[in-house]
Amino acid sequence: MPSTPDATPVVPTDMPENAPRLVAFDLDGTLAPSKSPMPTRMATALRALLDVIPVCVISGGQIGQFRQQVLARLDARPDQLARLHLMPTCGTRYYTYNADDGDWTLVYANDLTPEQVAQACAVVESEARRLGLWEEQTWGPALEDRGSQITFSALGQEAPLEAKQAWDPTGEKKGRLRDAVAARLPELEVRSGGSTSVDITRKGIDKAYGMRRLAEVTGIALEQMLFVGDRLDPDGNDYPVKAMGVTCQAVGTWEDTAAFVTDLAARIAAGDRN
């Protein structure tokens, strides 16, 4: 995902008087490079935060991506995992840790109907071909049915980061495809996703929806949450969270996130809530 040039402060200027009761994170570009494992330094910082406060990871990716990028690298204890909330596909699915079997339990899923899946896939491929954005050589399938979300990845889900960054550095290609598909699927939500992707869900589904559901299931008010993301610009897929009024921390890279989280966890652990 593209970086946000002015998104490097360690402490957010709009931090509430009291420290947040829950911190939610975007995944790609925030906790880890796109579709890549979470680095050790980030995992260490996240474990420190889980020691003192609940954490949520909310992303357009599916649960398999969460397992590979985050859980496989986190090396967290069961008590830490019990404070971790996973919201794949922008919160249309929600998982919590089950200490009894050491796995993750699906609490709810807002899946698309088979008819919606078939229509969305057909329209995306049709418009991508019409616009000259359908690549014949990809790293894995370009279209993926994630149950509650259809994702088009122009170069395939397994494309290397360098290829993704080079394909559409300005986001112009994604924007054209998103607009074309949205015009043909007015009953569904169509939005730009990662660096080469367009996501389709039920109407009204974005990360703001996921955050509202998170408040419902945890009982923690949105005003008491902090969201950390790398695409809080108006064209970014994190922006709906900022637009709904949740306190946000912008980051440009996972290194920015690790520095911010390390500092925040230490201050909360020390009882400094101002």
C-alpha atoms as a PDB file:
ATOM      1  CA  MET A   1       0.000   0.000   0.000  1.00  0.00           C
ATOM      2  CA  PRO A   2       1.248   3.502  -0.642  1.00  0.00           C
ATOM      3  CA  SER A   3       2.741   5.331   2.305  1.00  0.00           C
ATOM      4  CA  THR A   4       1.307   8.480   3.799  1.00  0.00           C
ATOM      5  CA  PRO A   5       4.122  11.040   3.609  1.00  0.00           C
ATOM      6  CA  ASP A   6       3.149  13.058   6.685  1.00  0.00           C
ATOM      7  CA  ALA A   7       2.195  10.057   8.823  1.00  0.00           C
ATOM      8  CA  THR A   8       5.238   9.539  11.038  1.00  0.00           C
ATOM      9  CA  PRO A   9       4.533  11.085  14.474  1.00  0.00           C
ATOM     10  CA  VAL A  10       4.962   8.608  17.310  1.00  0.00           C
ATOM     11  CA  VAL A  11       2.266  10.184  19.492  1.00  0.00           C
ATOM     12  CA  PRO A  12      -1.042  11.233  17.868  1.00  0.00           C
ATOM     13  CA  THR A  13      -1.901  14.883  18.327  1.00  0.00           C
ATOM     14  CA  ASP A  14      -5.569  14.021  18.839  1.00  0.00           C
ATOM     15  CA  MET A  15      -4.989  11.422  21.582  1.00  0.00           C
ATOM     16  CA  PRO A  16      -7.939  11.494  24.011  1.00  0.00           C
ATOM     17  CA  GLU A  17      -7.365  12.545  27.609  1.00  0.00           C
ATOM     18  CA  ASN A  18      -7.430   8.923  28.701  1.00  0.00           C
ATOM     19  CA  ALA A  19      -5.639   6.132  26.885  1.00  0.00           C
ATOM     20  CA  PRO A  20      -7.856   4.005  24.617  1.00  0.00           C
ATOM     21  CA  ARG A  21      -9.585   0.917  25.997  1.00  0.00           C
ATOM     22  CA  LEU A  22      -9.011  -0.935  22.712  1.00  0.00           C
ATOM     23  CA  VAL A  23      -6.690  -0.429  19.750  1.00  0.00           C
ATOM     24  CA  ALA A  24      -7.677  -1.626  16.275  1.00  0.00           C
ATOM     25  CA  PHE A  25      -5.210  -2.075  13.419  1.00  0.00           C
ATOM     26  CA  ASP A  26      -5.306  -2.366   9.669  1.00  0.00           C
ATOM     27  CA  LEU A  27      -3.096  -5.253   8.482  1.00  0.00           C
ATOM     28  CA  ASP A  28      -1.300  -4.742   5.154  1.00  0.00           C
ATOM     29  CA  GLY A  29       0.999  -1.744   5.268  1.00  0.00           C
ATOM     30  CA  THR A  30       0.297  -1.225   8.977  1.00  0.00           C
ATOM     31  CA  LEU A  31       1.269  -4.403  10.841  1.00  0.00           C
ATOM     32  CA  ALA A  32       3.151  -6.004   7.958  1.00  0.00           C
ATOM     33  CA  PRO A  33       4.203  -5.367   4.358  1.00  0.00           C
ATOM     34  CA  SER A  34       1.479  -6.311   1.873  1.00  0.00           C
ATOM     35  CA  LYS A  35       0.670 -10.058   2.028  1.00  0.00           C
ATOM     36  CA  SER A  36       3.892 -10.650   3.968  1.00  0.00           C
ATOM     37  CA  PRO A  37       4.539 -12.073   7.458  1.00  0.00           C
ATOM     38  CA  MET A  38       4.489  -9.648  10.355  1.00  0.00           C
ATOM     39  CA  PRO A  39       8.106  -8.762  11.254  1.00  0.00           C
ATOM     40  CA  THR A  40       9.529  -9.883  14.598  1.00  0.00           C
ATOM     41  CA  ARG A  41       9.810  -6.326  15.916  1.00  0.00           C
ATOM     42  CA  MET A  42       6.133  -5.702  15.209  1.00  0.00           C
ATOM     43  CA  ALA A  43       5.126  -8.980  16.854  1.00  0.00           C
ATOM     44  CA  THR A  44       7.069  -8.050  19.987  1.00  0.00           C
ATOM     45  CA  ALA A  45       5.358  -4.656  20.174  1.00  0.00           C
ATOM     46  CA  LEU A  46       1.919  -6.176  19.627  1.00  0.00           C
ATOM     47  CA  ARG A  47       2.434  -8.731  22.407  1.00  0.00           C
ATOM     48  CA  ALA A  48       3.386  -5.908  24.767  1.00  0.00           C
ATOM     49  CA  LEU A  49       0.176  -4.096  23.874  1.00  0.00           C
ATOM     50  CA  LEU A  50      -1.888  -7.271  24.348  1.00  0.00           C
ATOM     51  CA  ASP A  51      -0.508  -7.482  27.886  1.00  0.00           C
ATOM     52  CA  VAL A  52      -2.284  -4.252  28.815  1.00  0.00           C
ATOM     53  CA  ILE A  53      -5.228  -3.712  26.452  1.00  0.00           C
ATOM     54  CA  PRO A  54      -7.513  -5.549  23.977  1.00  0.00           C
ATOM     55  CA  VAL A  55      -6.443  -5.422  20.333  1.00  0.00           C
ATOM     56  CA  CYS A  56      -8.347  -5.903  17.077  1.00  0.00           C
ATOM     57  CA  VAL A  57      -7.017  -6.553  13.584  1.00  0.00           C
ATOM     58  CA  ILE A  58      -9.480  -5.508  10.880  1.00  0.00           C
ATOM     59  CA  SER A  59      -8.678  -5.936   7.205  1.00  0.00           C
ATOM     60  CA  GLY A  60     -10.150  -6.796   3.832  1.00  0.00           C
ATOM     61  CA  GLY A  61      -8.220 -10.062   3.855  1.00  0.00           C
ATOM     62  CA  GLN A  62      -9.667 -13.449   4.782  1.00  0.00           C
ATOM     63  CA  ILE A  63      -8.925 -15.457   7.925  1.00  0.00           C
ATOM     64  CA  GLY A  64      -6.211 -17.484   6.181  1.00  0.00           C
ATOM     65  CA  GLN A  65      -4.281 -14.268   5.580  1.00  0.00           C
ATOM     66  CA  PHE A  66      -4.618 -13.374   9.275  1.00  0.00           C
ATOM     67  CA  ARG A  67      -3.282 -16.798  10.259  1.00  0.00           C
ATOM     68  CA  GLN A  68      -0.286 -16.601   7.920  1.00  0.00           C
ATOM     69  CA  GLN A  69       0.670 -12.967   8.411  1.00  0.00           C
ATOM     70  CA  VAL A  70      -0.184 -12.375  12.068  1.00  0.00           C
ATOM     71  CA  LEU A  71      -0.925 -15.473  14.146  1.00  0.00           C
ATOM     72  CA  ALA A  72       1.941 -17.558  12.794  1.00  0.00           C
ATOM     73  CA  ARG A  73       4.358 -14.762  13.747  1.00  0.00           C
ATOM     74  CA  LEU A  74       2.799 -13.420  16.941  1.00  0.00           C
ATOM     75  CA  ASP A  75       3.961 -16.202  19.315  1.00  0.00           C
ATOM     76  CA  ALA A  76       1.403 -15.045  21.864  1.00  0.00           C
ATOM     77  CA  ARG A  77       0.310 -16.759  25.067  1.00  0.00           C
ATOM     78  CA  PRO A  78      -3.306 -17.953  25.445  1.00  0.00           C
ATOM     79  CA  ASP A  79      -4.104 -15.059  27.814  1.00  0.00           C
ATOM     80  CA  GLN A  80      -2.824 -12.596  25.209  1.00  0.00           C
ATOM     81  CA  LEU A  81      -4.787 -14.276  22.419  1.00  0.00           C
ATOM     82  CA  ALA A  82      -7.919 -14.019  24.571  1.00  0.00           C
ATOM     83  CA  ARG A  83      -7.617 -10.225  24.245  1.00  0.00           C
ATOM     84  CA  LEU A  84      -7.203 -10.364  20.465  1.00  0.00           C
ATOM     85  CA  HIS A  85     -10.173  -9.800  18.123  1.00  0.00           C
ATOM     86  CA  LEU A  86      -9.926 -10.777  14.442  1.00  0.00           C
ATOM     87  CA  MET A  87     -12.216  -9.130  11.877  1.00  0.00           C
ATOM     88  CA  PRO A  88     -11.463 -10.356   8.338  1.00  0.00           C
ATOM     89  CA  THR A  89     -13.192  -8.963   5.259  1.00  0.00           C
ATOM     90  CA  CYS A  90     -13.757  -5.553   6.904  1.00  0.00           C
ATOM     91  CA  GLY A  91     -15.656  -6.950   9.862  1.00  0.00           C
ATOM     92  CA  THR A  92     -18.143  -9.050   7.916  1.00  0.00           C
ATOM     93  CA  ARG A  93     -16.600 -11.971   9.822  1.00  0.00           C
ATOM     94  CA  TYR A  94     -15.554 -11.967  13.456  1.00  0.00           C
ATOM     95  CA  TYR A  95     -13.337 -14.498  15.266  1.00  0.00           C
ATOM     96  CA  THR A  96     -12.400 -14.910  18.914  1.00  0.00           C
ATOM     97  CA  TYR A  97      -9.886 -17.244  20.534  1.00  0.00           C
ATOM     98  CA  ASN A  98     -11.170 -20.479  22.074  1.00  0.00           C
ATOM     99  CA  ALA A  99      -8.832 -21.565  24.858  1.00  0.00           C
ATOM    100  CA  ASP A 100     -10.454 -24.998  25.025  1.00  0.00           C
ATOM    101  CA  ASP A 101      -9.209 -26.112  21.615  1.00  0.00           C
ATOM    102  CA  GLY A 102      -6.539 -23.472  21.006  1.00  0.00           C
ATOM    103  CA  ASP A 103      -8.207 -22.308  17.794  1.00  0.00           C
ATOM    104  CA  TRP A 104     -10.327 -19.441  16.548  1.00  0.00           C
ATOM    105  CA  THR A 105     -14.132 -19.497  16.646  1.00  0.00           C
ATOM    106  CA  LEU A 106     -16.289 -17.791  14.035  1.00  0.00           C
ATOM    107  CA  VAL A 107     -18.806 -15.678  15.949  1.00  0.00           C
ATOM    108  CA  TYR A 108     -20.714 -14.309  12.955  1.00  0.00           C
ATOM    109  CA  ALA A 109     -20.495 -14.014   9.159  1.00  0.00           C
ATOM    110  CA  ASN A 110     -22.408 -11.740   6.773  1.00  0.00           C
ATOM    111  CA  ASP A 111     -21.936 -13.808   3.617  1.00  0.00           C
ATOM    112  CA  LEU A 112     -22.983 -12.868   0.109  1.00  0.00           C
ATOM    113  CA  THR A 113     -25.591 -15.044  -1.584  1.00  0.00           C
ATOM    114  CA  PRO A 114     -24.468 -17.428  -4.361  1.00  0.00           C
ATOM    115  CA  GLU A 115     -26.269 -15.192  -6.850  1.00  0.00           C
ATOM    116  CA  GLN A 116     -24.432 -12.106  -5.634  1.00  0.00           C
ATOM    117  CA  VAL A 117     -21.101 -13.925  -5.820  1.00  0.00           C
ATOM    118  CA  ALA A 118     -21.714 -15.060  -9.401  1.00  0.00           C
ATOM    119  CA  GLN A 119     -22.889 -11.624 -10.526  1.00  0.00           C
ATOM    120  CA  ALA A 120     -20.017  -9.785  -8.844  1.00  0.00           C
ATOM    121  CA  CYS A 121     -17.373 -12.060 -10.334  1.00  0.00           C
ATOM    122  CA  ALA A 122     -18.842 -11.768 -13.813  1.00  0.00           C
ATOM    123  CA  VAL A 123     -19.070  -7.968 -13.666  1.00  0.00           C
ATOM    124  CA  VAL A 124     -15.551  -7.479 -12.294  1.00  0.00           C
ATOM    125  CA  GLU A 125     -13.968  -9.674 -14.952  1.00  0.00           C
ATOM    126  CA  SER A 126     -16.031  -8.036 -17.698  1.00  0.00           C
ATOM    127  CA  GLU A 127     -15.080  -4.494 -16.649  1.00  0.00           C
ATOM    128  CA  ALA A 128     -11.432  -5.365 -16.022  1.00  0.00           C
ATOM    129  CA  ARG A 129     -11.167  -6.807 -19.526  1.00  0.00           C
ATOM    130  CA  ARG A 130     -12.959  -3.823 -21.048  1.00  0.00           C
ATOM    131  CA  LEU A 131     -10.586  -1.403 -19.324  1.00  0.00           C
ATOM    132  CA  GLY A 132      -7.493  -3.409 -20.234  1.00  0.00           C
ATOM    133  CA  LEU A 133      -6.817  -4.282 -16.584  1.00  0.00           C
ATOM    134  CA  TRP A 134      -7.255  -8.058 -16.788  1.00  0.00           C
ATOM    135  CA  GLU A 135      -3.815  -9.662 -16.615  1.00  0.00           C
ATOM    136  CA  GLU A 136      -3.388 -13.070 -18.237  1.00  0.00           C
ATOM    137  CA  GLN A 137      -0.255 -13.878 -16.217  1.00  0.00           C
ATOM    138  CA  THR A 138      -0.913 -13.681 -12.473  1.00  0.00           C
ATOM    139  CA  TRP A 139       0.416 -15.049  -9.200  1.00  0.00           C
ATOM    140  CA  GLY A 140      -2.653 -17.074  -8.290  1.00  0.00           C
ATOM    141  CA  PRO A 141      -6.317 -16.368  -9.182  1.00  0.00           C
ATOM    142  CA  ALA A 142      -7.323 -12.763  -9.812  1.00  0.00           C
ATOM    143  CA  LEU A 143     -10.793 -13.323  -8.324  1.00  0.00           C
ATOM    144  CA  GLU A 144     -11.362 -14.769  -4.869  1.00  0.00           C
ATOM    145  CA  ASP A 145     -14.629 -15.613  -3.113  1.00  0.00           C
ATOM    146  CA  ARG A 146     -14.082 -14.898   0.584  1.00  0.00           C
ATOM    147  CA  GLY A 147     -17.647 -15.726   1.570  1.00  0.00           C
ATOM    148  CA  SER A 148     -18.627 -12.277   2.773  1.00  0.00           C
ATOM    149  CA  GLN A 149     -16.439 -10.493   0.221  1.00  0.00           C
ATOM    150  CA  ILE A 150     -15.348 -10.849  -3.399  1.00  0.00           C
ATOM    151  CA  THR A 151     -11.821  -9.576  -3.995  1.00  0.00           C
ATOM    152  CA  PHE A 152     -10.265  -8.799  -7.355  1.00  0.00           C
ATOM    153  CA  SER A 153      -6.465  -8.753  -7.197  1.00  0.00           C
ATOM    154  CA  ALA A 154      -5.100  -7.618 -10.549  1.00  0.00           C
ATOM    155  CA  LEU A 155      -1.870  -9.597 -10.258  1.00  0.00           C
ATOM    156  CA  GLY A 156      -3.194 -12.421  -8.075  1.00  0.00           C
ATOM    157  CA  GLN A 157      -3.123 -12.846  -4.302  1.00  0.00           C
ATOM    158  CA  GLU A 158       0.445 -14.168  -4.228  1.00  0.00           C
ATOM    159  CA  ALA A 159       2.048 -11.444  -6.351  1.00  0.00           C
ATOM    160  CA  PRO A 160       5.346 -10.086  -4.971  1.00  0.00           C
ATOM    161  CA  LEU A 161       5.235  -6.713  -3.261  1.00  0.00           C
ATOM    162  CA  GLU A 162       7.457  -5.038  -5.852  1.00  0.00           C
ATOM    163  CA  ALA A 163       5.136  -6.048  -8.700  1.00  0.00           C
ATOM    164  CA  LYS A 164       2.085  -4.792  -6.803  1.00  0.00           C
ATOM    165  CA  GLN A 165       3.650  -1.442  -6.054  1.00  0.00           C
ATOM    166  CA  ALA A 166       4.636  -0.978  -9.700  1.00  0.00           C
ATOM    167  CA  TRP A 167       1.254  -1.932 -11.170  1.00  0.00           C
ATOM    168  CA  ASP A 168      -0.769   1.074  -9.999  1.00  0.00           C
ATOM    169  CA  PRO A 169       1.371   3.485  -7.950  1.00  0.00           C
ATOM    170  CA  THR A 170      -1.173   6.331  -8.128  1.00  0.00           C
ATOM    171  CA  GLY A 171      -4.303   4.212  -7.588  1.00  0.00           C
ATOM    172  CA  GLU A 172      -5.742   5.452 -10.889  1.00  0.00           C
ATOM    173  CA  LYS A 173      -6.310   1.967 -12.328  1.00  0.00           C
ATOM    174  CA  LYS A 174      -8.090   0.756  -9.196  1.00  0.00           C
ATOM    175  CA  GLY A 175     -10.213   3.885  -9.162  1.00  0.00           C
ATOM    176  CA  ARG A 176     -11.382   3.427 -12.753  1.00  0.00           C
ATOM    177  CA  LEU A 177     -12.247  -0.208 -12.164  1.00  0.00           C
ATOM    178  CA  ARG A 178     -14.026   0.523  -8.890  1.00  0.00           C
ATOM    179  CA  ASP A 179     -16.195   3.199 -10.523  1.00  0.00           C
ATOM    180  CA  ALA A 180     -17.054   0.997 -13.490  1.00  0.00           C
ATOM    181  CA  VAL A 181     -17.996  -1.999 -11.342  1.00  0.00           C
ATOM    182  CA  ALA A 182     -19.960   0.119  -8.841  1.00  0.00           C
ATOM    183  CA  ALA A 183     -22.102   1.514 -11.641  1.00  0.00           C
ATOM    184  CA  ARG A 184     -23.153  -2.019 -12.601  1.00  0.00           C
ATOM    185  CA  LEU A 185     -23.603  -3.334  -9.048  1.00  0.00           C
ATOM    186  CA  PRO A 186     -25.580  -0.577  -7.292  1.00  0.00           C
ATOM    187  CA  GLU A 187     -27.012  -3.031  -4.743  1.00  0.00           C
ATOM    188  CA  LEU A 188     -23.524  -3.986  -3.498  1.00  0.00           C
ATOM    189  CA  GLU A 189     -20.626  -2.057  -1.937  1.00  0.00           C
ATOM    190  CA  VAL A 190     -17.610  -1.704  -4.238  1.00  0.00           C
ATOM    191  CA  ARG A 191     -14.435  -0.077  -2.922  1.00  0.00           C
ATOM    192  CA  SER A 192     -10.700   0.087  -3.479  1.00  0.00           C
ATOM    193  CA  GLY A 193      -8.822  -2.391  -1.327  1.00  0.00           C
ATOM    194  CA  GLY A 194      -5.093  -3.072  -1.224  1.00  0.00           C
ATOM    195  CA  SER A 195      -2.463  -1.922  -3.679  1.00  0.00           C
ATOM    196  CA  THR A 196      -3.946  -3.878  -6.629  1.00  0.00           C
ATOM    197  CA  SER A 197      -7.358  -4.917  -5.341  1.00  0.00           C
ATOM    198  CA  VAL A 198     -11.042  -4.038  -5.467  1.00  0.00           C
ATOM    199  CA  ASP A 199     -13.380  -5.470  -2.814  1.00  0.00           C
ATOM    200  CA  ILE A 200     -17.119  -6.165  -3.079  1.00  0.00           C
ATOM    201  CA  THR A 201     -19.396  -6.754  -0.090  1.00  0.00           C
ATOM    202  CA  ARG A 202     -22.976  -6.226   0.924  1.00  0.00           C
ATOM    203  CA  LYS A 203     -24.145  -2.609   0.792  1.00  0.00           C
ATOM    204  CA  GLY A 204     -22.836  -0.405   3.581  1.00  0.00           C
ATOM    205  CA  ILE A 205     -19.937  -2.693   4.465  1.00  0.00           C
ATOM    206  CA  ASP A 206     -16.561  -1.053   5.048  1.00  0.00           C
ATOM    207  CA  LYS A 207     -14.161  -0.728   7.976  1.00  0.00           C
ATOM    208  CA  ALA A 208     -16.536   1.711   9.667  1.00  0.00           C
ATOM    209  CA  TYR A 209     -19.128  -1.077   9.674  1.00  0.00           C
ATOM    210  CA  GLY A 210     -16.543  -3.391  11.204  1.00  0.00           C
ATOM    211  CA  MET A 211     -15.720  -0.889  13.932  1.00  0.00           C
ATOM    212  CA  ARG A 212     -19.399  -0.458  14.803  1.00  0.00           C
ATOM    213  CA  ARG A 213     -19.781  -4.235  15.092  1.00  0.00           C
ATOM    214  CA  LEU A 214     -16.644  -4.339  17.224  1.00  0.00           C
ATOM    215  CA  ALA A 215     -18.200  -1.835  19.627  1.00  0.00           C
ATOM    216  CA  GLU A 216     -21.325  -4.016  19.803  1.00  0.00           C
ATOM    217  CA  VAL A 217     -19.538  -7.292  20.531  1.00  0.00           C
ATOM    218  CA  THR A 218     -17.023  -5.865  23.020  1.00  0.00           C
ATOM    219  CA  GLY A 219     -19.208  -3.295  24.770  1.00  0.00           C
ATOM    220  CA  ILE A 220     -16.423  -0.717  24.313  1.00  0.00           C
ATOM    221  CA  ALA A 221     -17.631   2.588  22.908  1.00  0.00           C
ATOM    222  CA  LEU A 222     -16.123   3.877  19.666  1.00  0.00           C
ATOM    223  CA  GLU A 223     -15.068   7.008  21.559  1.00  0.00           C
ATOM    224  CA  GLN A 224     -12.825   4.805  23.704  1.00  0.00           C
ATOM    225  CA  MET A 225     -11.093   3.116  20.761  1.00  0.00           C
ATOM    226  CA  LEU A 226      -8.043   4.054  18.713  1.00  0.00           C
ATOM    227  CA  PHE A 227      -7.583   2.955  15.090  1.00  0.00           C
ATOM    228  CA  VAL A 228      -4.150   2.667  13.457  1.00  0.00           C
ATOM    229  CA  GLY A 229      -3.865   2.530   9.662  1.00  0.00           C
ATOM    230  CA  ASP A 230      -1.718   3.473   6.685  1.00  0.00           C
ATOM    231  CA  ARG A 231      -4.526   4.563   4.350  1.00  0.00           C
ATOM    232  CA  LEU A 232      -6.439   7.239   6.234  1.00  0.00           C
ATOM    233  CA  ASP A 233      -6.361   9.592   3.236  1.00  0.00           C
ATOM    234  CA  PRO A 234      -9.782  10.262   1.626  1.00  0.00           C
ATOM    235  CA  ASP A 235      -9.126   7.676  -1.110  1.00  0.00           C
ATOM    236  CA  GLY A 236      -7.841   5.043   1.320  1.00  0.00           C
ATOM    237  CA  ASN A 237      -9.709   2.009   2.613  1.00  0.00           C
ATOM    238  CA  ASP A 238      -9.063   3.091   6.231  1.00  0.00           C
ATOM    239  CA  TYR A 239     -10.702   6.485   5.720  1.00  0.00           C
ATOM    240  CA  PRO A 240     -14.274   5.396   6.636  1.00  0.00           C
ATOM    241  CA  VAL A 241     -13.064   4.833  10.202  1.00  0.00           C
ATOM    242  CA  LYS A 242     -11.661   8.359  10.403  1.00  0.00           C
ATOM    243  CA  ALA A 243     -14.793   9.807   8.786  1.00  0.00           C
ATOM    244  CA  MET A 244     -17.018   8.254  11.464  1.00  0.00           C
ATOM    245  CA  GLY A 245     -15.107  10.109  14.174  1.00  0.00           C
ATOM    246  CA  VAL A 246     -12.971   7.369  15.703  1.00  0.00           C
ATOM    247  CA  THR A 247      -9.616   8.657  16.987  1.00  0.00           C
ATOM    248  CA  CYS A 248      -6.997   7.582  14.448  1.00  0.00           C
ATOM    249  CA  GLN A 249      -3.228   7.274  14.235  1.00  0.00           C
ATOM    250  CA  ALA A 250      -1.813   7.489  10.719  1.00  0.00           C
ATOM    251  CA  VAL A 251       1.308   5.497   9.903  1.00  0.00           C
ATOM    252  CA  GLY A 252       3.365   5.211   6.751  1.00  0.00           C
ATOM    253  CA  THR A 253       5.004   1.823   7.345  1.00  0.00           C
ATOM    254  CA  TRP A 254       4.943  -1.078   9.793  1.00  0.00           C
ATOM    255  CA  GLU A 255       8.077   0.408  11.377  1.00  0.00           C
ATOM    256  CA  ASP A 256       6.055   3.512  12.290  1.00  0.00           C
ATOM    257  CA  THR A 257       3.422   1.250  13.829  1.00  0.00           C
ATOM    258  CA  ALA A 258       5.974  -0.708  15.852  1.00  0.00           C
ATOM    259  CA  ALA A 259       7.457   2.502  17.280  1.00  0.00           C
ATOM    260  CA  PHE A 260       4.049   3.905  18.162  1.00  0.00           C
ATOM    261  CA  VAL A 261       2.793   0.647  19.724  1.00  0.00           C
ATOM    262  CA  THR A 262       5.955   0.149  21.771  1.00  0.00           C
ATOM    263  CA  ASP A 263       5.583   3.637  23.233  1.00  0.00           C
ATOM    264  CA  LEU A 264       1.833   3.305  23.843  1.00  0.00           C
ATOM    265  CA  ALA A 265       2.145  -0.087  25.561  1.00  0.00           C
ATOM    266  CA  ALA A 266       4.898   1.207  27.841  1.00  0.00           C
ATOM    267  CA  ARG A 267       2.871   4.275  28.839  1.00  0.00           C
ATOM    268  CA  ILE A 268      -0.240   2.229  29.582  1.00  0.00           C
ATOM    269  CA  ALA A 269       1.776  -0.323  31.551  1.00  0.00           C
ATOM    270  CA  ALA A 270       3.288   2.514  33.585  1.00  0.00           C
ATOM    271  CA  GLY A 271      -0.175   3.852  34.345  1.00  0.00           C
ATOM    272  CA  ASP A 272       0.332   7.039  32.328  1.00  0.00           C
ATOM    273  CA  ARG A 273      -3.116   7.628  30.864  1.00  0.00           C
ATOM    274  CA  ASN A 274      -2.707  11.289  29.962  1.00  0.00           C
END
